């Protein structure tokens, strides 16, 4: 609820953890800088934190929300009291990038590929892109760099043969003449980024959660509606070329989920596949992973 004290507006402090400052998380930055959060009485602090630490932070109450819907599945399977509340993107935005001399993904067998962290989403989808392209991921050596920006440096310096990157880094490398060997958005539809919270927060601070969902609904509509303004924001805010900003916008626009809801069928398929691949410790149902009731209740 928005509270007024005289003429001043009192905003609720909310902590949202993002893994890196990256255009992939555009909805969160754009909502903050265009004061969409303020409209719903939220003072949102965007905190940089590794995705595995984000989930522990949610469980402890140190963090209020994270967009890490994909990684949350294993945490929920392991018993952490978390729930997915919304889905922003229906597919991840990773790309497998290598030098122009590489003909195809198969040629990466026996070579080194940079990922941010072993076990991270970049590692997971890097493996899937390799397999989708006909390569045996077990024959590839994944190099843990710590962040996507370091992976970018590693491939530029030639210390790895390819890297798993996301916008705007994908566009930066394409402009330098590197080849995009595969894109994860070509894989099956899956809940990637969204909104995840502690079940206790959902029960005890329901209106704050609703206001966060309202903010995310509004910002996705604004991104779809205000293309020119958003492209200009990406160009300036992430210090990239106009062409890169446009490509990043189109990548994000192409995977954003209308209404922040996916059908149960692709979500269940994603959960079953993740369990079969050993990525989550037990089979989860959609209801165990997500609760869309607050989102559906918004007016």
Protein backbone atom coordinates (compact mmCIF):
# COMPACT_ATOMS: atom_id res chain seq x y z
CA UNK A 1 0.00 0.00 0.00
CA UNK A 2 1.22 3.52 -0.79
CA UNK A 3 1.39 5.68 2.36
CA UNK A 4 1.30 9.47 2.47
CA UNK A 5 2.78 11.62 5.21
CA UNK A 6 1.63 15.17 4.52
CA UNK A 7 2.66 15.85 0.95
CA UNK A 8 5.49 13.31 0.97
CA UNK A 9 5.19 9.82 -0.40
CA UNK A 10 6.67 7.09 1.82
CA UNK A 11 8.11 4.27 -0.27
CA UNK A 12 8.61 0.70 0.92
CA UNK A 13 12.23 -0.46 0.63
CA UNK A 14 12.53 -3.59 -1.50
CA UNK A 15 15.73 -5.50 -2.31
CA UNK A 16 15.99 -7.25 -5.68
CA UNK A 17 19.08 -9.35 -6.47
CA UNK A 18 20.42 -9.49 -10.04
CA UNK A 19 23.42 -11.61 -11.03
CA UNK A 20 25.16 -8.92 -13.12
CA UNK A 21 24.50 -5.48 -14.58
CA UNK A 22 23.38 -6.65 -17.96
CA UNK A 23 20.75 -5.63 -20.50
CA UNK A 24 19.13 -9.05 -19.99
CA UNK A 25 17.70 -7.60 -16.77
CA UNK A 26 16.35 -4.57 -18.65
CA UNK A 27 12.82 -4.73 -17.09
CA UNK A 28 14.24 -4.17 -13.59
CA UNK A 29 16.53 -1.28 -14.53
CA UNK A 30 13.93 0.35 -16.77
CA UNK A 31 11.23 0.12 -14.08
CA UNK A 32 13.55 1.80 -11.59
CA UNK A 33 14.79 4.57 -13.88
CA UNK A 34 11.34 5.41 -15.27
CA UNK A 35 9.89 5.42 -11.72
CA UNK A 36 7.39 2.63 -12.37
CA UNK A 37 8.25 1.17 -8.97
CA UNK A 38 7.59 4.55 -7.33
CA UNK A 39 4.09 4.53 -8.79
CA UNK A 40 3.34 1.49 -6.64
CA UNK A 41 5.05 2.78 -3.50
CA UNK A 42 8.26 0.78 -3.88
CA UNK A 43 11.82 1.98 -3.35
CA UNK A 44 13.66 -0.82 -5.16
CA UNK A 45 17.35 -1.43 -4.53
CA UNK A 46 18.98 -3.54 -7.25
CA UNK A 47 21.75 -5.62 -5.69
CA UNK A 48 24.37 -7.56 -7.68
CA UNK A 49 24.68 -11.14 -6.39
CA UNK A 50 25.44 -14.59 -7.80
CA UNK A 51 22.28 -16.55 -8.64
CA UNK A 52 22.96 -19.36 -6.14
CA UNK A 53 23.52 -16.79 -3.37
CA UNK A 54 20.34 -14.97 -4.39
CA UNK A 55 18.24 -18.01 -3.54
CA UNK A 56 19.91 -18.42 -0.17
CA UNK A 57 19.30 -14.70 0.41
CA UNK A 58 15.61 -15.14 -0.39
CA UNK A 59 15.34 -18.03 2.05
CA UNK A 60 17.02 -16.03 4.84
CA UNK A 61 15.03 -12.84 4.17
CA UNK A 62 18.12 -10.85 3.18
CA UNK A 63 16.68 -10.44 -0.33
CA UNK A 64 13.02 -9.78 -1.16
CA UNK A 65 12.87 -10.86 -4.81
CA UNK A 66 15.00 -12.38 -7.53
CA UNK A 67 14.28 -12.96 -11.23
CA UNK A 68 16.06 -16.36 -11.12
CA UNK A 69 13.04 -18.50 -11.96
CA UNK A 70 15.08 -21.23 -13.63
CA UNK A 71 17.63 -21.78 -10.82
CA UNK A 72 14.82 -21.63 -8.25
CA UNK A 73 13.60 -25.06 -9.35
CA UNK A 74 16.50 -26.93 -7.75
CA UNK A 75 16.28 -24.78 -4.60
CA UNK A 76 12.57 -25.58 -4.27
CA UNK A 77 13.26 -29.28 -4.92
CA UNK A 78 15.85 -29.13 -2.12
CA UNK A 79 13.23 -27.77 0.28
CA UNK A 80 13.83 -24.02 0.32
CA UNK A 81 10.54 -22.14 1.03
CA UNK A 82 10.39 -20.29 -2.30
CA UNK A 83 7.75 -19.75 -4.99
CA UNK A 84 7.85 -18.45 -8.53
CA UNK A 85 5.22 -15.73 -8.97
CA UNK A 86 5.61 -14.63 -12.59
CA UNK A 87 7.55 -15.38 -15.76
CA UNK A 88 9.18 -12.54 -17.69
CA UNK A 89 10.95 -14.50 -20.44
CA UNK A 90 9.86 -17.74 -22.11
CA UNK A 91 13.43 -18.62 -23.17
CA UNK A 92 16.97 -17.79 -22.06
CA UNK A 93 19.00 -15.22 -24.01
CA UNK A 94 22.37 -16.95 -24.12
CA UNK A 95 24.43 -17.33 -27.28
CA UNK A 96 27.42 -19.52 -28.02
CA UNK A 97 30.00 -17.24 -29.61
CA UNK A 98 33.27 -18.19 -31.29
CA UNK A 99 35.79 -16.90 -33.82
CA UNK A 100 34.74 -16.66 -37.46
CA UNK A 101 37.08 -19.58 -38.27
CA UNK A 102 34.78 -22.03 -36.47
CA UNK A 103 32.43 -23.65 -38.97
CA UNK A 104 29.98 -25.13 -36.49
CA UNK A 105 29.34 -26.17 -32.89
CA UNK A 106 30.75 -29.67 -33.50
CA UNK A 107 34.22 -28.18 -33.92
CA UNK A 108 34.23 -27.19 -30.23
CA UNK A 109 34.72 -30.81 -29.15
CA UNK A 110 38.11 -31.06 -27.45
CA UNK A 111 38.20 -27.28 -26.95
CA UNK A 112 37.52 -24.77 -24.13
CA UNK A 113 34.29 -22.81 -23.66
CA UNK A 114 33.93 -19.99 -21.13
CA UNK A 115 30.89 -19.89 -18.82
CA UNK A 116 30.28 -17.66 -15.82
CA UNK A 117 30.18 -20.55 -13.35
CA UNK A 118 29.99 -24.35 -13.47
CA UNK A 119 26.40 -25.23 -12.65
CA UNK A 120 25.13 -21.77 -13.64
CA UNK A 121 22.50 -21.05 -16.25
CA UNK A 122 25.22 -20.14 -18.78
CA UNK A 123 26.82 -23.56 -18.21
CA UNK A 124 23.49 -25.37 -18.38
CA UNK A 125 22.30 -23.72 -21.58
CA UNK A 126 25.80 -23.80 -23.04
CA UNK A 127 25.68 -27.59 -22.75
CA UNK A 128 22.24 -27.68 -24.34
CA UNK A 129 23.30 -25.45 -27.25
CA UNK A 130 26.27 -27.73 -27.89
CA UNK A 131 24.05 -30.82 -27.87
CA UNK A 132 21.43 -29.11 -30.04
CA UNK A 133 24.19 -28.32 -32.55
CA UNK A 134 25.34 -31.95 -32.68
CA UNK A 135 28.34 -31.74 -30.33
CA UNK A 136 29.04 -33.93 -27.31
CA UNK A 137 29.12 -31.53 -24.36
CA UNK A 138 31.16 -34.07 -22.37
CA UNK A 139 34.00 -33.59 -24.86
CA UNK A 140 34.11 -29.84 -24.18
CA UNK A 141 36.07 -28.29 -21.31
CA UNK A 142 34.02 -25.58 -19.61
CA UNK A 143 36.11 -22.80 -18.08
CA UNK A 144 34.55 -20.96 -15.12
CA UNK A 145 35.29 -17.23 -15.41
CA UNK A 146 33.11 -15.75 -12.65
CA UNK A 147 31.05 -13.44 -14.86
CA UNK A 148 29.90 -12.90 -18.43
CA UNK A 149 32.13 -9.82 -18.79
CA UNK A 150 35.19 -11.94 -17.91
CA UNK A 151 34.05 -14.58 -20.42
CA UNK A 152 33.98 -11.80 -23.00
CA UNK A 153 37.59 -10.89 -22.19
CA UNK A 154 38.64 -14.55 -22.26
CA UNK A 155 37.43 -15.13 -25.80
CA UNK A 156 38.90 -11.84 -27.01
CA UNK A 157 42.29 -12.80 -25.56
CA UNK A 158 42.10 -16.28 -27.07
CA UNK A 159 42.38 -18.13 -23.76
CA UNK A 160 39.16 -19.99 -24.66
CA UNK A 161 37.80 -21.15 -28.01
CA UNK A 162 34.22 -19.94 -27.45
CA UNK A 163 32.08 -18.34 -24.78
CA UNK A 164 28.48 -18.38 -23.62
CA UNK A 165 27.38 -14.73 -23.70
CA UNK A 166 24.17 -12.70 -23.36
CA UNK A 167 23.09 -9.25 -24.62
CA UNK A 168 24.73 -6.79 -25.04
CA UNK A 169 27.95 -8.86 -25.11
CA UNK A 170 26.67 -11.04 -27.95
CA UNK A 171 26.19 -7.98 -30.16
CA UNK A 172 29.56 -6.52 -29.16
CA UNK A 173 31.33 -9.68 -30.34
CA UNK A 174 29.26 -9.89 -33.53
CA UNK A 175 30.33 -6.34 -34.37
CA UNK A 176 33.96 -7.43 -33.92
CA UNK A 177 33.51 -10.21 -36.48
CA UNK A 178 32.93 -13.17 -34.16
CA UNK A 179 30.36 -15.81 -35.11
CA UNK A 180 27.16 -16.59 -33.22
CA UNK A 181 27.22 -20.39 -33.38
CA UNK A 182 23.95 -21.03 -31.52
CA UNK A 183 21.22 -19.21 -29.59
CA UNK A 184 19.43 -20.69 -26.60
CA UNK A 185 16.13 -19.11 -27.62
CA UNK A 186 16.02 -21.81 -30.33
CA UNK A 187 15.69 -24.43 -27.59
CA UNK A 188 12.38 -25.47 -26.04
CA UNK A 189 10.17 -22.88 -24.35
CA UNK A 190 11.03 -22.66 -20.64
CA UNK A 191 10.53 -20.29 -17.71
CA UNK A 192 13.81 -18.39 -17.45
CA UNK A 193 13.60 -14.96 -15.84
CA UNK A 194 10.61 -14.10 -13.70
CA UNK A 195 9.91 -13.15 -10.12
CA UNK A 196 10.65 -15.42 -7.14
CA UNK A 197 9.98 -14.73 -3.45
CA UNK A 198 9.97 -16.43 -0.06
CA UNK A 199 6.64 -18.08 0.76
CA UNK A 200 6.61 -16.31 4.14
CA UNK A 201 6.88 -12.91 2.41
CA UNK A 202 4.05 -13.84 0.05
CA UNK A 203 1.82 -14.68 3.02
CA UNK A 204 2.82 -11.78 5.30
CA UNK A 205 3.48 -8.95 2.82
CA UNK A 206 0.95 -9.83 0.15
CA UNK A 207 0.25 -6.26 -0.96
CA UNK A 208 3.95 -5.51 -1.44
CA UNK A 209 4.21 -8.64 -3.59
CA UNK A 210 1.18 -7.53 -5.61
CA UNK A 211 2.77 -4.10 -6.12
CA UNK A 212 5.95 -5.72 -7.38
CA UNK A 213 3.90 -7.80 -9.81
CA UNK A 214 2.00 -4.68 -10.93
CA UNK A 215 5.33 -2.97 -11.57
CA UNK A 216 6.62 -5.86 -13.67
CA UNK A 217 3.39 -6.03 -15.63
CA UNK A 218 3.61 -2.28 -16.36
CA UNK A 219 7.28 -2.33 -17.36
CA UNK A 220 6.85 -5.20 -19.82
CA UNK A 221 3.98 -3.27 -21.43
CA UNK A 222 6.16 -0.13 -21.58
CA UNK A 223 9.04 -2.04 -23.19
CA UNK A 224 6.72 -3.40 -25.88
CA UNK A 225 5.06 -0.02 -26.43
CA UNK A 226 7.96 2.46 -26.31
CA UNK A 227 10.51 0.85 -28.64
CA UNK A 228 12.43 4.00 -29.59
CA UNK A 229 12.72 5.18 -25.99
CA UNK A 230 13.83 1.76 -24.77
CA UNK A 231 16.45 1.36 -27.52
CA UNK A 232 17.83 4.81 -26.64
CA UNK A 233 17.87 3.80 -22.95
CA UNK A 234 19.83 0.61 -23.73
CA UNK A 235 22.32 2.51 -25.90
CA UNK A 236 23.02 5.10 -23.21
CA UNK A 237 22.59 3.00 -20.07
CA UNK A 238 24.71 0.07 -21.22
CA UNK A 239 27.15 2.05 -23.37
CA UNK A 240 26.62 0.14 -26.61
CA UNK A 241 26.16 1.12 -30.23
CA UNK A 242 22.74 1.99 -31.63
CA UNK A 243 22.78 -1.22 -33.68
CA UNK A 244 23.65 -3.30 -30.63
CA UNK A 245 20.94 -1.59 -28.58
CA UNK A 246 18.37 -2.38 -31.27
CA UNK A 247 19.48 -6.01 -31.48
CA UNK A 248 19.35 -6.34 -27.68
CA UNK A 249 15.84 -4.86 -27.66
CA UNK A 250 14.66 -7.29 -30.34
CA UNK A 251 16.17 -10.24 -28.43
CA UNK A 252 14.33 -9.26 -25.25
CA UNK A 253 11.10 -8.33 -27.02
CA UNK A 254 11.14 -11.73 -28.73
CA UNK A 255 11.07 -13.72 -25.48
CA UNK A 256 8.96 -11.52 -23.18
CA UNK A 257 5.85 -13.25 -21.89
CA UNK A 258 2.54 -11.42 -22.29
CA UNK A 259 0.75 -11.22 -18.96
CA UNK A 260 3.79 -12.77 -17.19
CA UNK A 261 2.18 -16.22 -17.51
CA UNK A 262 3.21 -19.36 -19.38
CA UNK A 263 0.96 -22.34 -19.97
CA UNK A 264 1.41 -25.25 -17.55
CA UNK A 265 2.48 -27.65 -20.33
CA UNK A 266 5.86 -26.08 -21.24
CA UNK A 267 6.62 -25.41 -17.57
CA UNK A 268 5.99 -29.07 -16.65
CA UNK A 269 8.04 -30.24 -19.62
CA UNK A 270 10.90 -27.99 -18.49
CA UNK A 271 10.71 -29.37 -14.93
CA UNK A 272 10.57 -32.99 -16.11
CA UNK A 273 13.48 -32.49 -18.51
CA UNK A 274 15.53 -30.75 -15.81
CA UNK A 275 14.94 -33.67 -13.45
CA UNK A 276 15.82 -36.22 -16.17
CA UNK A 277 19.09 -34.37 -16.85
CA UNK A 278 19.94 -34.40 -13.14
CA UNK A 279 19.67 -30.60 -12.87
CA UNK A 280 17.03 -30.73 -10.13
CA UNK A 281 17.04 -33.33 -7.37
CA UNK A 282 13.43 -34.48 -7.64
CA UNK A 283 10.46 -34.14 -9.96
CA UNK A 284 8.40 -31.01 -9.32
CA UNK A 285 4.89 -30.14 -10.41
CA UNK A 286 3.97 -26.69 -11.73
CA UNK A 287 2.04 -26.04 -8.51
CA UNK A 288 5.07 -26.84 -6.35
CA UNK A 289 7.23 -24.45 -8.35
CA UNK A 290 4.85 -21.57 -9.13
CA UNK A 291 1.88 -19.77 -7.62
CA UNK A 292 0.26 -17.47 -10.16
CA UNK A 293 -2.80 -16.68 -8.03
CA UNK A 294 -1.63 -13.20 -6.98
CA UNK A 295 -0.76 -12.33 -10.57
CA UNK A 296 -4.19 -13.46 -11.75
CA UNK A 297 -5.85 -11.40 -9.00
CA UNK A 298 -4.40 -8.08 -10.23
CA UNK A 299 -6.75 -5.46 -11.65
